[in-house]
Amino acid sequence: MTASSDRLLRRTLWGNAVFSVVSGTMLAVFAGPFAAAAVDQPVSVLGLELGMVLELLGVGVVAFGLLSAWAASREQLPQVWARAIFAGDVAWVAGSILVLALPASWTMAGIVGIVALAVIVADLAILEYLGLCRLGTAH
């Protein structure tokens, strides 16, 4: 693998890392206000109020961002981890679609927030896929 063949994937992983750490931190810190703005009435998931779910999700997104940074920073790009990060991004987009289908009373702000994040993550996934294709490892 040459530096030019992994450049797109490496840069996309760095972008994913920055986006994930920043957005995950914001989600964890402002989980309560985001939850209040996202739904018309209180929602609980597995017995947890939506604010707590968003806080935990934010912490998970930060961890995902740190994994992306770790993968991007390796001298030899770990392709298995790059594929796992790609799969995680695809799962996020699919999960966003499922969340919108749940019987919750989403506000317009909630719908816009979920869709905007899903579009950004989908864009990252497309770039990761193209980067993996350049390496010949997009299965």
Protein backbone atom coordinates (compact mmCIF):
# COMPACT_ATOMS: atom_id res chain seq x y z
CA MET A 1 0.00 0.00 0.00
CA THR A 2 1.41 3.35 -1.01
CA ALA A 3 0.81 6.66 0.69
CA SER A 4 -1.25 7.85 -2.27
CA SER A 5 -3.45 4.74 -2.30
CA ASP A 6 -4.54 5.17 1.32
CA ARG A 7 -4.69 8.98 1.39
CA LEU A 8 -8.48 9.24 0.87
CA LEU A 9 -9.26 6.63 3.50
CA ARG A 10 -6.78 8.03 6.02
CA ARG A 11 -8.08 11.60 5.62
CA THR A 12 -11.68 10.42 5.83
CA LEU A 13 -10.91 8.52 9.03
CA TRP A 14 -9.34 11.69 10.48
CA GLY A 15 -12.43 13.67 9.46
CA ASN A 16 -14.64 11.03 11.02
CA ALA A 17 -12.56 11.19 14.19
CA VAL A 18 -12.88 14.95 14.52
CA PHE A 19 -16.59 14.96 13.68
CA SER A 20 -17.31 12.08 16.07
CA VAL A 21 -15.38 13.49 19.01
CA VAL A 22 -16.90 16.97 18.63
CA SER A 23 -20.47 15.85 17.96
CA GLY A 24 -20.32 13.09 20.60
CA THR A 25 -19.06 15.54 23.20
CA MET A 26 -21.81 18.00 22.32
CA LEU A 27 -24.41 15.23 22.49
CA ALA A 28 -23.18 14.03 25.89
CA VAL A 29 -22.91 17.52 27.38
CA PHE A 30 -26.22 18.84 26.04
CA ALA A 31 -28.20 15.57 26.11
CA GLY A 32 -31.00 17.01 28.24
CA PRO A 33 -31.72 20.06 26.07
CA PHE A 34 -31.37 17.97 22.88
CA ALA A 35 -33.86 15.43 24.23
CA ALA A 36 -36.30 18.17 25.18
CA ALA A 37 -36.05 19.71 21.71
CA ALA A 38 -36.31 16.37 19.88
CA VAL A 39 -39.66 15.12 21.16
CA ASP A 40 -43.01 16.62 22.13
CA GLN A 41 -43.45 14.39 25.17
CA PRO A 42 -41.07 12.39 27.37
CA VAL A 43 -39.71 9.21 25.80
CA SER A 44 -37.95 6.33 27.51
CA VAL A 45 -35.85 3.62 25.93
CA LEU A 46 -35.35 0.41 27.89
CA GLY A 47 -36.41 2.26 31.01
CA LEU A 48 -34.00 5.16 30.49
CA GLU A 49 -35.19 8.65 29.73
CA LEU A 50 -34.17 9.97 26.32
CA GLY A 51 -31.68 12.45 27.82
CA MET A 52 -29.74 9.61 29.46
CA VAL A 53 -29.83 7.58 26.24
CA LEU A 54 -28.42 10.54 24.31
CA GLU A 55 -25.72 11.08 26.93
CA LEU A 56 -24.63 7.44 26.71
CA LEU A 57 -24.79 7.58 22.93
CA GLY A 58 -22.59 10.68 22.97
CA VAL A 59 -19.95 8.90 25.06
CA GLY A 60 -20.05 5.99 22.61
CA VAL A 61 -19.65 8.34 19.64
CA VAL A 62 -16.58 9.91 21.30
CA ALA A 63 -15.09 6.42 21.75
CA PHE A 64 -15.84 5.68 18.08
CA GLY A 65 -14.07 8.91 17.13
CA LEU A 66 -11.03 7.94 19.17
CA LEU A 67 -10.97 4.57 17.39
CA SER A 68 -11.10 6.37 14.04
CA ALA A 69 -8.21 8.62 15.10
CA TRP A 70 -6.20 5.62 16.26
CA ALA A 71 -6.74 3.82 12.93
CA ALA A 72 -5.88 6.93 10.90
CA SER A 73 -2.71 7.55 12.90
CA ARG A 74 -1.13 4.14 12.37
CA GLU A 75 1.85 4.03 10.03
CA GLN A 76 0.33 0.95 8.39
CA LEU A 77 -3.41 1.63 8.07
CA PRO A 78 -5.29 -1.23 9.82
CA GLN A 79 -7.70 -2.22 7.07
CA VAL A 80 -9.74 -4.50 9.33
CA TRP A 81 -10.45 -1.56 11.63
CA ALA A 82 -11.13 0.74 8.69
CA ARG A 83 -13.75 -1.73 7.43
CA ALA A 84 -15.22 -1.96 10.95
CA ILE A 85 -15.48 1.84 11.12
CA PHE A 86 -17.15 1.85 7.70
CA ALA A 87 -19.61 -0.81 8.92
CA GLY A 88 -20.30 1.27 12.04
CA ASP A 89 -21.12 4.29 9.90
CA VAL A 90 -23.46 2.25 7.71
CA ALA A 91 -25.13 0.91 10.87
CA TRP A 92 -25.56 4.48 12.17
CA VAL A 93 -27.39 5.51 9.00
CA ALA A 94 -29.62 2.41 9.11
CA GLY A 95 -30.27 3.00 12.81
CA SER A 96 -31.23 6.61 12.12
CA ILE A 97 -33.85 5.44 9.64
CA LEU A 98 -35.22 2.98 12.20
CA VAL A 99 -35.29 5.62 14.94
CA LEU A 100 -37.36 7.91 12.73
CA ALA A 101 -39.82 5.04 12.23
CA LEU A 102 -40.30 4.52 15.98
CA PRO A 103 -43.63 5.58 17.42
CA ALA A 104 -42.26 8.70 19.07
CA SER A 105 -43.62 12.18 18.67
CA TRP A 106 -40.55 13.72 17.04
CA THR A 107 -40.47 17.47 16.70
CA MET A 108 -39.24 19.10 13.50
CA ALA A 109 -35.96 19.86 15.33
CA GLY A 110 -35.62 16.19 16.25
CA ILE A 111 -36.25 15.02 12.71
CA VAL A 112 -33.86 17.59 11.22
CA GLY A 113 -31.16 16.68 13.75
CA ILE A 114 -31.43 12.94 13.10
CA VAL A 115 -31.50 13.39 9.32
CA ALA A 116 -28.61 15.90 9.28
CA LEU A 117 -26.37 13.60 11.30
CA ALA A 118 -27.34 10.61 9.15
CA VAL A 119 -26.48 12.52 5.96
CA ILE A 120 -23.07 13.54 7.32
CA VAL A 121 -22.32 9.98 8.45
CA ALA A 122 -23.53 8.62 5.09
CA ASP A 123 -21.12 10.98 3.32
CA LEU A 124 -18.27 9.73 5.51
CA ALA A 125 -19.28 6.13 4.77
CA ILE A 126 -19.24 6.79 1.02
CA LEU A 127 -15.76 8.29 1.25
CA GLU A 128 -14.59 5.38 3.41
CA TYR A 129 -15.99 2.93 0.87
CA LEU A 130 -14.19 4.71 -1.97
CA GLY A 131 -10.98 4.72 0.07
CA LEU A 132 -11.35 1.00 0.77
CA CYS A 133 -11.97 0.40 -2.95
CA ARG A 134 -8.70 2.16 -3.76
CA LEU A 135 -6.98 -0.31 -1.47
CA GLY A 136 -8.89 -3.20 -3.01
CA THR A 137 -10.43 -4.21 0.32
CA ALA A 138 -14.05 -3.03 0.07
CA HIS A 139 -15.94 -6.31 0.55
